[in-house]
Amino acid sequence: MDLVASLPAFVVAVFLISASPGPAMALILRRAAMRGFRATGPTGLGIELGLYLWALAAAAGFAALVAASEVAYLALRVVGAAVLIYLGGRALLTAWRERGAAGEPIVVPPAPSRRGWWSAFGEGLAVNLANPKAAVFMLAFYPQFVPADAPLFATTAALALLQVAIELTLYLALAAGVARTGAWFRRPTVRRRMEAASGTVLVALGARVAVDA
């Protein structure tokens, strides 16, 4: 298999996978709606760093150990579920605290602080690193596009960089679209419903991670 010839198929596959609903997409959309476009960048960078680290781990063989070890896989499942449920619970708590705020003015998101930047970055990173299915996905996905005579680690690292670029472009484009209607999303009633909906989605995704084999 020639790497260059397989790149179009790789790009299409990555785009379809990236556009599918999941924890990363839920975080990006919530962040863009609640905090604006500039606040979405750190979350996207954290998500993509987590993806890239899993890709390198798969190339180095560590991801195979995680996928093969019941204890390691279970531990990551528990951590991943806890992270998602925590983020979802925090959104639900925010929605509950803002009940009855329909008459208040539209919330204008402040400029992201250094602490807020790292917090958003950490959320994105944790969501991907604590996802054991990411390890399984990398093991199954990348070998299809790595030629037998190509260096495994270097080729996987290059393909992962391409995936990061595609996903980050898609996420930021979605965030820009959502941020354009940010004033509507930040109306107290809409904001509360958005927090409740995104929190419910994240908790449900966490529960699915916890029970999936």
Protein backbone atom coordinates (compact mmCIF):
# COMPACT_ATOMS: atom_id res chain seq x y z
CA MET A 1 0.00 0.00 0.00
CA ASP A 2 1.35 3.44 -0.96
CA LEU A 3 1.01 6.07 1.75
CA VAL A 4 0.36 8.96 -0.63
CA ALA A 5 -2.33 7.01 -2.49
CA SER A 6 -4.09 6.19 0.76
CA LEU A 7 -4.12 9.77 2.09
CA PRO A 8 -7.48 10.76 0.51
CA ALA A 9 -9.17 7.80 2.20
CA PHE A 10 -7.47 8.70 5.47
CA VAL A 11 -8.64 12.32 5.28
CA VAL A 12 -12.24 11.30 4.53
CA ALA A 13 -12.24 8.74 7.35
CA VAL A 14 -10.84 11.27 9.84
CA PHE A 15 -13.39 13.89 8.81
CA LEU A 16 -16.31 11.48 9.26
CA ILE A 17 -14.99 10.28 12.62
CA SER A 18 -14.36 13.83 13.84
CA ALA A 19 -17.84 14.99 12.81
CA SER A 20 -19.58 12.21 14.74
CA PRO A 21 -21.14 13.17 18.10
CA GLY A 22 -19.08 12.40 21.18
CA PRO A 23 -17.54 13.90 24.33
CA ALA A 24 -15.11 16.10 22.37
CA MET A 25 -17.85 17.55 20.20
CA ALA A 26 -20.08 18.15 23.23
CA LEU A 27 -17.29 20.02 25.04
CA ILE A 28 -16.46 22.17 22.02
CA LEU A 29 -20.06 23.19 21.35
CA ARG A 30 -20.78 23.92 25.01
CA ARG A 31 -17.62 25.98 25.37
CA ALA A 32 -18.31 28.00 22.23
CA ALA A 33 -21.93 28.66 23.19
CA MET A 34 -21.23 29.62 26.80
CA ARG A 35 -17.81 31.31 26.59
CA GLY A 36 -17.36 32.43 22.99
CA PHE A 37 -14.92 31.50 20.25
CA ARG A 38 -11.68 32.56 21.96
CA ALA A 39 -12.38 30.33 24.94
CA THR A 40 -12.80 27.29 22.69
CA GLY A 41 -9.18 27.16 21.51
CA PRO A 42 -7.70 25.77 24.75
CA THR A 43 -10.31 22.99 24.91
CA GLY A 44 -9.62 22.04 21.30
CA LEU A 45 -5.86 22.02 21.86
CA GLY A 46 -6.27 19.80 24.92
CA ILE A 47 -8.47 17.37 23.03
CA GLU A 48 -6.00 17.14 20.16
CA LEU A 49 -2.97 16.73 22.41
CA GLY A 50 -4.75 13.80 24.05
CA LEU A 51 -5.44 12.28 20.63
CA TYR A 52 -1.83 12.76 19.53
CA LEU A 53 -0.46 11.17 22.70
CA TRP A 54 -2.70 8.13 22.19
CA ALA A 55 -1.49 7.86 18.59
CA LEU A 56 2.13 7.87 19.74
CA ALA A 57 1.28 5.36 22.47
CA ALA A 58 -0.29 3.09 19.87
CA ALA A 59 2.82 3.32 17.68
CA ALA A 60 5.06 2.58 20.67
CA GLY A 61 2.97 -0.42 21.73
CA PHE A 62 1.69 1.05 25.00
CA ALA A 63 -1.89 1.31 23.73
CA ALA A 64 -1.82 -2.40 22.89
CA LEU A 65 -0.94 -3.17 26.50
CA VAL A 66 -3.84 -1.04 27.72
CA ALA A 67 -6.25 -2.72 25.31
CA ALA A 68 -5.01 -6.19 26.29
CA SER A 69 -4.95 -5.61 30.06
CA GLU A 70 -8.35 -5.92 31.70
CA VAL A 71 -7.14 -4.05 34.79
CA ALA A 72 -5.65 -1.12 32.84
CA TYR A 73 -8.66 -0.92 30.54
CA LEU A 74 -11.08 -1.00 33.49
CA ALA A 75 -9.07 1.67 35.34
CA LEU A 76 -9.17 3.97 32.32
CA ARG A 77 -12.88 3.31 31.88
CA VAL A 78 -13.56 4.32 35.48
CA VAL A 79 -11.41 7.46 35.20
CA GLY A 80 -12.92 8.40 31.84
CA ALA A 81 -16.47 7.92 33.13
CA ALA A 82 -15.66 9.97 36.24
CA VAL A 83 -14.27 12.85 34.16
CA LEU A 84 -17.31 13.00 31.91
CA ILE A 85 -19.80 12.66 34.76
CA TYR A 86 -17.94 15.38 36.71
CA LEU A 87 -18.08 17.79 33.75
CA GLY A 88 -21.72 16.96 33.12
CA GLY A 89 -22.60 17.30 36.79
CA ARG A 90 -20.93 20.70 36.92
CA ALA A 91 -23.00 21.87 33.95
CA LEU A 92 -26.21 20.55 35.55
CA LEU A 93 -25.32 22.31 38.81
CA THR A 94 -24.82 25.57 36.91
CA ALA A 95 -28.23 25.14 35.26
CA TRP A 96 -29.85 24.49 38.64
CA ARG A 97 -28.21 27.56 40.22
CA GLU A 98 -29.39 29.80 37.36
CA ARG A 99 -33.04 28.80 37.60
CA GLY A 100 -35.33 31.81 37.86
CA ALA A 101 -32.79 34.09 36.18
CA ALA A 102 -34.93 34.76 33.09
CA GLY A 103 -35.19 38.47 33.87
CA GLU A 104 -31.47 39.04 34.24
CA PRO A 105 -29.36 40.65 31.46
CA ILE A 106 -27.45 38.61 28.92
CA VAL A 107 -24.20 37.31 30.35
CA VAL A 108 -21.14 38.69 28.55
CA PRO A 109 -18.27 36.19 28.76
CA PRO A 110 -15.08 37.68 30.20
CA ALA A 111 -11.78 37.44 28.40
CA PRO A 112 -10.20 34.07 29.26
CA SER A 113 -7.67 34.33 32.09
CA ARG A 114 -4.49 32.27 32.31
CA ARG A 115 -6.13 30.03 34.92
CA GLY A 116 -9.24 29.67 32.77
CA TRP A 117 -7.10 28.83 29.75
CA TRP A 118 -5.33 25.98 31.54
CA SER A 119 -8.60 24.75 33.05
CA ALA A 120 -10.21 24.50 29.60
CA PHE A 121 -7.07 22.89 28.18
CA GLY A 122 -7.04 20.35 31.01
CA GLU A 123 -10.68 19.44 30.43
CA GLY A 124 -10.03 18.63 26.78
CA LEU A 125 -6.86 16.70 27.55
CA ALA A 126 -8.49 14.66 30.32
CA VAL A 127 -11.47 13.71 28.19
CA ASN A 128 -9.24 12.12 25.53
CA LEU A 129 -6.51 10.65 27.72
CA ALA A 130 -9.00 8.98 30.05
CA ASN A 131 -10.83 7.32 27.17
CA PRO A 132 -9.79 3.67 26.76
CA LYS A 133 -11.69 3.43 23.48
CA ALA A 134 -9.19 5.92 22.04
CA ALA A 135 -6.46 3.31 22.55
CA VAL A 136 -8.52 0.62 20.83
CA PHE A 137 -9.40 3.00 18.00
CA MET A 138 -5.77 3.94 17.36
CA LEU A 139 -4.73 0.29 17.27
CA ALA A 140 -7.43 -0.56 14.73
CA PHE A 141 -7.34 2.61 12.62
CA TYR A 142 -3.74 3.62 11.94
CA PRO A 143 -2.27 0.28 10.81
CA GLN A 144 -4.62 0.38 7.80
CA PHE A 145 -2.73 3.40 6.45
CA VAL A 146 0.86 2.58 7.43
CA PRO A 147 2.74 0.75 4.62
CA ALA A 148 4.54 -2.42 5.69
CA ASP A 149 7.91 -1.02 4.61
CA ALA A 150 7.44 2.37 6.32
CA PRO A 151 8.77 3.23 9.81
CA LEU A 152 5.80 2.62 12.11
CA PHE A 153 6.42 5.30 14.73
CA ALA A 154 7.37 8.12 12.35
CA THR A 155 4.53 7.36 9.93
CA THR A 156 1.95 7.14 12.71
CA ALA A 157 3.21 10.42 14.19
CA ALA A 158 2.88 12.13 10.80
CA LEU A 159 -0.63 10.76 10.20
CA ALA A 160 -1.65 11.79 13.70
CA LEU A 161 -0.46 15.34 13.03
CA LEU A 162 -2.65 15.39 9.92
CA GLN A 163 -5.61 14.12 11.95
CA VAL A 164 -4.98 16.79 14.59
CA ALA A 165 -4.97 19.50 11.92
CA ILE A 166 -8.21 18.23 10.37
CA GLU A 167 -10.02 17.86 13.69
CA LEU A 168 -8.86 21.20 15.05
CA THR A 169 -9.95 22.97 11.86
CA LEU A 170 -13.37 21.30 12.05
CA TYR A 171 -13.84 22.05 15.74
CA LEU A 172 -12.81 25.69 15.41
CA ALA A 173 -15.10 26.13 12.39
CA LEU A 174 -18.01 24.73 14.40
CA ALA A 175 -17.07 26.91 17.36
CA ALA A 176 -16.98 30.01 15.14
CA GLY A 177 -20.45 29.19 13.81
CA VAL A 178 -21.88 28.67 17.28
CA ALA A 179 -20.13 31.77 18.64
CA ARG A 180 -21.82 33.92 15.98
CA THR A 181 -25.11 33.26 17.76
CA GLY A 182 -23.43 33.40 21.16
CA ALA A 183 -25.58 36.29 22.38
CA TRP A 184 -28.69 34.15 21.88
CA PHE A 185 -27.08 31.18 23.65
CA ARG A 186 -26.11 33.39 26.57
CA ARG A 187 -29.66 34.58 27.25
CA PRO A 188 -30.37 33.35 30.79
CA THR A 189 -33.17 30.96 29.81
CA VAL A 190 -31.33 29.57 26.78
CA ARG A 191 -28.08 29.36 28.74
CA ARG A 192 -29.75 27.39 31.50
CA ARG A 193 -31.30 24.97 29.03
CA MET A 194 -28.01 24.63 27.15
CA GLU A 195 -26.16 23.84 30.37
CA ALA A 196 -28.83 21.30 31.33
CA ALA A 197 -28.77 19.66 27.90
CA SER A 198 -24.97 19.51 27.61
CA GLY A 199 -24.68 18.30 31.20
CA THR A 200 -27.18 15.53 30.54
CA VAL A 201 -25.29 14.49 27.38
CA LEU A 202 -21.94 14.39 29.19
CA VAL A 203 -23.35 12.40 32.11
CA ALA A 204 -24.97 9.95 29.66
CA LEU A 205 -21.69 9.57 27.77
CA GLY A 206 -19.90 8.98 31.07
CA ALA A 207 -22.41 6.32 32.04
CA ARG A 208 -21.97 4.63 28.65
CA VAL A 209 -18.19 4.61 29.07
CA ALA A 210 -18.63 3.07 32.52
CA VAL A 211 -20.86 0.20 31.39
CA ASP A 212 -19.45 -0.52 27.92
CA ALA A 213 -17.28 -3.62 27.72
